[in-house]
């Protein structure tokens, strides 16, 4: 019986599943934070900790008097994929806009993202998050929704089981986003508030069941808002989810193709996130992914 259990455990450890994408690390927010400040640009930075992960870039901005656009978004390294081009629309009595961008298969490095606007916007925010195991968009991102109320909500999309669903709600009124309560199963991963010019909320639902899904919440007081939702599918090949010990003495999550990690064989090598056992400190044991 003991031999049978051991064999089953070994088989389970070596079984390759499609990766379930997820947010790792702590998302960050940046933006202009002075009341009444205007800006024709904007810069934010994020450090990717594991090569092969994606940098998700959510952009929100507000302009009080007319529609406007994002003239450009650039990166200090790699190339930017446009998941949903920035677009602004009238929400209440002001104009709010969102856009979702991504650096796919980023290398472990620090990235500087720079925005340029068509006008001196009244406020902007950028949310940066590291996505692990992302193959690409599962479904087309719908048109953003907006309004002025206590109940912001995104449009509905139909997702596949195991997708990573991300949503953002930009508050153009100022002050109310801090008291936003997300409707389950969404949870708030990061929040950035900017005095009198709006705020950006980011939430995610890991591995939902297949079917229609939308994100919604409730403000503590009525606010002018804009909302957006997106779904990312997992990689068709195995990816590692546990950090290993690197030859440099640190810890990192292997990407399956590069890097040197302490292996069960007693030497450093590159785990393939499928059959190669490497030391996983969080588990206190060797694992394959």
Foldseek 3Di string as FASTA:
>chain_A
DVVVVVVVVLVVQQDWDFDQKDFDDAKDKDKDFDQQAWAQKDKDKDFDFEFQWKKKKKKKFWAQDDWWAWPDKDKPDADKAWLAGWGWDDAPRIIMIMGMIMRGRHHGGMMMMMIGIPDRTRMMMMIITIMPQFPFFFDRWDDKDWYKFQKDKGDKDWGAFSKKKKKKKKFQQFDFVVQKDKDPPWDWRDWDGHHRGIIMTMTIDGGDHTTMDMIMTGTPTITTMMMTMTITGGHRTAFFDAWFQFPVGDIGGAGQPDGWGAFPVGGTDGQNLRNTWGDGVVVRGTGRD
